[in-house]
């Protein structure tokens, strides 16, 4: 499968101007992994986390990737300029594309 548009080093950093951030992620068959997601270098909160994030017991905003699909990372009230950061120790992450709303 040579369809990767982008293969990022860790961590992934992306500046954006938007309200919502989605990432199409894929991974090797039969694997799952978790990634910590940050907005402007801070963990997301219930107020700004996308629908696919959960908060762990340490207050981190965590994305669990268990299938290839589009994941909702950030959900803001208003469009604005921000930076999203994705940190994972997984070797199996392939990020295809970001989309914004």
N, C-alpha and C. Protein backbone atom coordinates (compact mmCIF):
# COMPACT_ATOMS: atom_id res chain seq x y z
N UNK A 1 0.85 -1.19 0.00
CA UNK A 1 0.00 0.00 0.00
C UNK A 1 0.89 1.24 0.00
N UNK A 2 1.04 1.83 -1.14
CA UNK A 2 1.91 2.99 -1.27
C UNK A 2 1.13 4.28 -1.38
N UNK A 3 -0.01 4.35 -0.71
CA UNK A 3 -0.89 5.49 -0.91
C UNK A 3 -0.69 6.58 0.12
N UNK A 4 0.32 6.47 0.97
CA UNK A 4 0.56 7.52 1.95
C UNK A 4 0.83 8.83 1.23
N UNK A 5 0.08 9.84 1.57
CA UNK A 5 0.39 11.17 1.05
C UNK A 5 1.50 11.79 1.89
N UNK A 6 1.42 11.55 3.19
CA UNK A 6 2.33 12.19 4.12
C UNK A 6 2.76 11.17 5.14
N UNK A 7 4.04 11.14 5.43
CA UNK A 7 4.46 10.34 6.58
C UNK A 7 5.24 11.27 7.48
N UNK A 8 4.74 11.43 8.69
CA UNK A 8 5.29 12.44 9.58
C UNK A 8 6.26 11.84 10.57
N UNK A 9 7.20 12.65 10.99
CA UNK A 9 7.99 12.28 12.15
C UNK A 9 7.22 12.66 13.39
N UNK A 10 7.68 12.19 14.50
CA UNK A 10 7.02 12.40 15.78
C UNK A 10 7.71 13.54 16.51
N UNK A 11 7.05 14.51 17.09
CA UNK A 11 5.60 14.67 17.01
C UNK A 11 5.17 15.36 15.71
N UNK A 12 3.89 15.22 15.41
CA UNK A 12 3.30 15.91 14.27
C UNK A 12 2.82 17.28 14.76
N UNK A 13 3.22 18.34 14.09
CA UNK A 13 2.81 19.70 14.44
C UNK A 13 2.15 20.32 13.22
N UNK A 14 1.02 20.96 13.44
CA UNK A 14 0.34 21.59 12.32
C UNK A 14 -0.36 22.85 12.76
N UNK A 15 -0.01 23.95 12.11
CA UNK A 15 -0.73 25.21 12.35
C UNK A 15 -1.97 25.23 11.46
N UNK A 16 -3.06 25.76 11.98
CA UNK A 16 -4.30 25.78 11.20
C UNK A 16 -5.14 26.98 11.58
N UNK A 17 -6.04 27.34 10.67
CA UNK A 17 -7.07 28.35 10.94
C UNK A 17 -8.40 27.68 10.66
N UNK A 18 -9.12 27.32 11.72
CA UNK A 18 -10.35 26.53 11.54
C UNK A 18 -11.07 26.44 12.88
N UNK A 19 -12.23 25.80 12.83
CA UNK A 19 -12.99 25.48 14.03
C UNK A 19 -12.80 24.01 14.41
N UNK A 20 -12.81 23.16 13.41
CA UNK A 20 -12.71 21.72 13.62
C UNK A 20 -11.51 21.15 12.88
N UNK A 21 -10.85 20.19 13.51
CA UNK A 21 -9.72 19.51 12.89
C UNK A 21 -9.99 18.01 12.88
N UNK A 22 -9.85 17.41 11.71
CA UNK A 22 -10.00 15.97 11.54
C UNK A 22 -8.70 15.44 10.95
N UNK A 23 -8.37 14.20 11.27
CA UNK A 23 -7.20 13.58 10.66
C UNK A 23 -7.59 12.18 10.21
N UNK A 24 -7.28 11.89 8.95
CA UNK A 24 -7.51 10.54 8.43
C UNK A 24 -6.27 9.73 8.79
N UNK A 25 -6.46 8.74 9.63
CA UNK A 25 -5.33 7.94 10.10
C UNK A 25 -5.52 6.49 9.71
N UNK A 26 -4.39 5.85 9.49
CA UNK A 26 -4.41 4.43 9.19
C UNK A 26 -3.35 3.76 10.04
N UNK A 27 -3.40 2.46 10.14
CA UNK A 27 -2.41 1.76 10.93
C UNK A 27 -2.29 0.34 10.41
N UNK A 28 -1.22 -0.33 10.82
CA UNK A 28 -0.99 -1.69 10.37
C UNK A 28 -2.10 -2.59 10.88
N UNK A 29 -2.48 -3.53 10.06
CA UNK A 29 -3.57 -4.45 10.38
C UNK A 29 -3.34 -5.09 11.75
N UNK A 30 -4.39 -5.12 12.56
CA UNK A 30 -4.31 -5.82 13.84
C UNK A 30 -3.61 -5.06 14.94
N UNK A 31 -3.30 -3.79 14.72
CA UNK A 31 -2.65 -3.01 15.77
C UNK A 31 -3.58 -1.89 16.22
N UNK A 32 -3.35 -1.41 17.42
CA UNK A 32 -4.02 -0.21 17.90
C UNK A 32 -2.96 0.63 18.59
N UNK A 33 -3.19 1.91 18.71
CA UNK A 33 -2.27 2.72 19.48
C UNK A 33 -3.00 3.94 19.99
N UNK A 34 -2.38 4.61 20.93
CA UNK A 34 -2.92 5.85 21.47
C UNK A 34 -1.96 6.98 21.18
N UNK A 35 -2.53 8.15 20.97
CA UNK A 35 -1.75 9.35 20.74
C UNK A 35 -2.26 10.44 21.66
N UNK A 36 -1.36 11.23 22.20
CA UNK A 36 -1.75 12.39 22.99
C UNK A 36 -1.91 13.56 22.03
N UNK A 37 -3.00 14.30 22.16
CA UNK A 37 -3.30 15.43 21.29
C UNK A 37 -3.23 16.71 22.11
N UNK A 38 -2.56 17.71 21.55
CA UNK A 38 -2.43 19.01 22.23
C UNK A 38 -2.92 20.11 21.31
N UNK A 39 -3.49 21.14 21.90
CA UNK A 39 -3.88 22.34 21.17
C UNK A 39 -3.10 23.50 21.78
N UNK A 40 -2.31 24.18 20.94
CA UNK A 40 -1.47 25.28 21.43
C UNK A 40 -0.65 24.82 22.64
N UNK A 41 -0.11 23.62 22.54
CA UNK A 41 0.79 23.03 23.55
C UNK A 41 0.12 22.68 24.87
N UNK A 42 -1.21 22.64 24.91
CA UNK A 42 -1.92 22.23 26.12
C UNK A 42 -2.86 21.08 25.77
N UNK A 43 -3.09 20.18 26.72
CA UNK A 43 -4.09 19.14 26.46
C UNK A 43 -5.45 19.77 26.17
N UNK A 44 -6.24 19.10 25.36
CA UNK A 44 -7.58 19.61 25.10
C UNK A 44 -8.47 19.36 26.30
N UNK A 45 -9.58 20.08 26.35
CA UNK A 45 -10.54 19.95 27.43
C UNK A 45 -11.86 19.47 26.85
N UNK A 46 -12.83 19.19 27.71
CA UNK A 46 -14.15 18.80 27.20
C UNK A 46 -14.73 19.90 26.31
N UNK A 47 -14.32 21.15 26.54
CA UNK A 47 -14.87 22.27 25.77
C UNK A 47 -14.31 22.33 24.35
N UNK A 48 -13.11 21.82 24.12
CA UNK A 48 -12.54 21.98 22.77
C UNK A 48 -12.07 20.66 22.15
N UNK A 49 -12.31 19.54 22.81
CA UNK A 49 -11.89 18.26 22.27
C UNK A 49 -12.86 17.78 21.20
N UNK A 50 -12.31 17.20 20.14
CA UNK A 50 -13.14 16.56 19.13
C UNK A 50 -13.80 15.31 19.69
N UNK A 51 -14.77 14.80 18.97
CA UNK A 51 -15.62 13.71 19.48
C UNK A 51 -14.86 12.39 19.64
N UNK A 52 -13.69 12.26 19.03
CA UNK A 52 -12.95 11.00 19.15
C UNK A 52 -11.91 11.01 20.26
N UNK A 53 -11.80 12.10 21.00
CA UNK A 53 -10.82 12.15 22.09
C UNK A 53 -11.46 11.75 23.41
N UNK A 54 -10.63 11.26 24.31
CA UNK A 54 -11.07 11.04 25.68
C UNK A 54 -10.01 11.62 26.61
N UNK A 55 -10.41 11.94 27.82
CA UNK A 55 -9.48 12.47 28.81
C UNK A 55 -9.01 11.31 29.68
N UNK A 56 -7.71 11.16 29.86
CA UNK A 56 -7.24 10.09 30.73
C UNK A 56 -7.14 10.59 32.17
N UNK A 57 -6.71 9.70 33.06
CA UNK A 57 -6.71 10.05 34.48
C UNK A 57 -5.66 11.10 34.83
N UNK A 58 -4.73 11.37 33.91
CA UNK A 58 -3.70 12.38 34.15
C UNK A 58 -4.06 13.73 33.52
N UNK A 59 -5.28 13.82 32.96
CA UNK A 59 -5.68 15.07 32.35
C UNK A 59 -5.20 15.25 30.92
N UNK A 60 -4.64 14.20 30.34
CA UNK A 60 -4.22 14.27 28.94
C UNK A 60 -5.41 13.99 28.04
N UNK A 61 -5.40 14.60 26.85
CA UNK A 61 -6.41 14.30 25.85
C UNK A 61 -5.82 13.25 24.91
N UNK A 62 -6.50 12.10 24.86
CA UNK A 62 -5.93 10.93 24.20
C UNK A 62 -6.84 10.46 23.07
N UNK A 63 -6.21 10.13 21.95
CA UNK A 63 -6.91 9.54 20.81
C UNK A 63 -6.50 8.08 20.71
N UNK A 64 -7.48 7.20 20.67
CA UNK A 64 -7.21 5.78 20.45
C UNK A 64 -7.52 5.46 18.99
N UNK A 65 -6.50 5.00 18.28
CA UNK A 65 -6.65 4.68 16.85
C UNK A 65 -6.70 3.17 16.73
N UNK A 66 -7.84 2.65 16.32
CA UNK A 66 -7.97 1.20 16.19
C UNK A 66 -8.46 0.78 14.81
N UNK A 67 -8.65 1.73 13.92
CA UNK A 67 -9.02 1.40 12.55
C UNK A 67 -8.69 2.60 11.66
N UNK A 68 -8.58 2.33 10.37
CA UNK A 68 -8.34 3.42 9.44
C UNK A 68 -9.62 4.19 9.20
N UNK A 69 -9.64 5.45 9.61
CA UNK A 69 -10.83 6.27 9.42
C UNK A 69 -10.49 7.72 9.69
N UNK A 70 -11.48 8.59 9.57
CA UNK A 70 -11.31 10.00 9.89
C UNK A 70 -11.64 10.23 11.35
N UNK A 71 -10.70 10.79 12.08
CA UNK A 71 -10.86 11.05 13.51
C UNK A 71 -11.03 12.54 13.76
N UNK A 72 -11.97 12.87 14.66
CA UNK A 72 -12.27 14.26 15.00
C UNK A 72 -11.41 14.65 16.20
N UNK A 73 -10.46 15.56 15.99
CA UNK A 73 -9.48 15.90 17.02
C UNK A 73 -9.83 17.15 17.80
N UNK A 74 -10.26 18.18 17.11
CA UNK A 74 -10.47 19.49 17.75
C UNK A 74 -11.83 20.03 17.35
N UNK A 75 -12.54 20.58 18.32
CA UNK A 75 -13.85 21.19 18.07
C UNK A 75 -13.93 22.51 18.84
N UNK A 76 -13.73 23.61 18.15
CA UNK A 76 -13.73 24.94 18.77
C UNK A 76 -15.04 25.66 18.50
N UNK A 77 -15.35 26.63 19.35
CA UNK A 77 -16.57 27.42 19.13
C UNK A 77 -16.44 28.34 17.92
N UNK A 78 -15.24 28.86 17.71
CA UNK A 78 -15.03 29.83 16.63
C UNK A 78 -13.79 29.47 15.82
N UNK A 79 -13.78 29.91 14.57
CA UNK A 79 -12.58 29.77 13.76
C UNK A 79 -11.45 30.58 14.40
N UNK A 80 -10.26 30.03 14.35
CA UNK A 80 -9.13 30.75 14.89
C UNK A 80 -7.84 30.10 14.44
N UNK A 81 -6.74 30.78 14.71
CA UNK A 81 -5.43 30.26 14.35
C UNK A 81 -4.84 29.54 15.55
N UNK A 82 -4.51 28.28 15.37
CA UNK A 82 -4.01 27.45 16.46
C UNK A 82 -2.98 26.47 15.91
N UNK A 83 -2.41 25.71 16.83
CA UNK A 83 -1.51 24.63 16.43
C UNK A 83 -1.93 23.36 17.13
N UNK A 84 -2.05 22.29 16.36
CA UNK A 84 -2.36 20.99 16.93
C UNK A 84 -1.07 20.16 16.91
N UNK A 85 -0.90 19.38 17.98
CA UNK A 85 0.26 18.51 18.09
C UNK A 85 -0.21 17.11 18.41
N UNK A 86 0.34 16.12 17.70
CA UNK A 86 0.01 14.71 17.91
C UNK A 86 1.29 14.00 18.31
N UNK A 87 1.26 13.38 19.48
CA UNK A 87 2.44 12.69 20.00
C UNK A 87 2.10 11.23 20.23
N UNK A 88 2.86 10.34 19.61
CA UNK A 88 2.66 8.92 19.82
C UNK A 88 4.00 8.22 19.77
N UNK A 89 4.10 7.11 20.49
CA UNK A 89 5.33 6.32 20.39
C UNK A 89 5.13 5.15 19.44
N UNK A 90 4.05 5.18 18.70
CA UNK A 90 3.75 4.08 17.79
C UNK A 90 4.51 4.24 16.49
N UNK A 91 5.05 3.14 16.01
CA UNK A 91 5.68 3.12 14.68
C UNK A 91 4.64 2.86 13.60
N UNK A 92 3.43 2.50 14.00
CA UNK A 92 2.48 1.99 13.01
C UNK A 92 1.52 3.06 12.50
N UNK A 93 1.72 4.29 12.93
CA UNK A 93 0.80 5.35 12.48
C UNK A 93 1.15 5.80 11.07
N UNK A 94 0.15 5.83 10.21
CA UNK A 94 0.26 6.51 8.94
C UNK A 94 -0.83 7.57 8.91
N UNK A 95 -0.44 8.79 8.73
CA UNK A 95 -1.42 9.87 8.68
C UNK A 95 -1.58 10.25 7.23
N UNK A 96 -2.79 10.16 6.73
CA UNK A 96 -2.99 10.44 5.31
C UNK A 96 -3.22 11.92 5.05
N UNK A 97 -4.12 12.52 5.79
CA UNK A 97 -4.46 13.89 5.46
C UNK A 97 -5.21 14.53 6.61
N UNK A 98 -5.02 15.83 6.78
CA UNK A 98 -5.84 16.61 7.71
C UNK A 98 -6.97 17.26 6.92
N UNK A 99 -8.14 17.36 7.53
CA UNK A 99 -9.21 18.17 6.96
C UNK A 99 -9.73 19.09 8.05
N UNK A 100 -10.33 20.19 7.61
CA UNK A 100 -10.73 21.24 8.54
C UNK A 100 -12.16 21.65 8.28
N UNK A 101 -12.82 22.09 9.35
CA UNK A 101 -14.18 22.58 9.22
C UNK A 101 -14.34 23.89 9.91
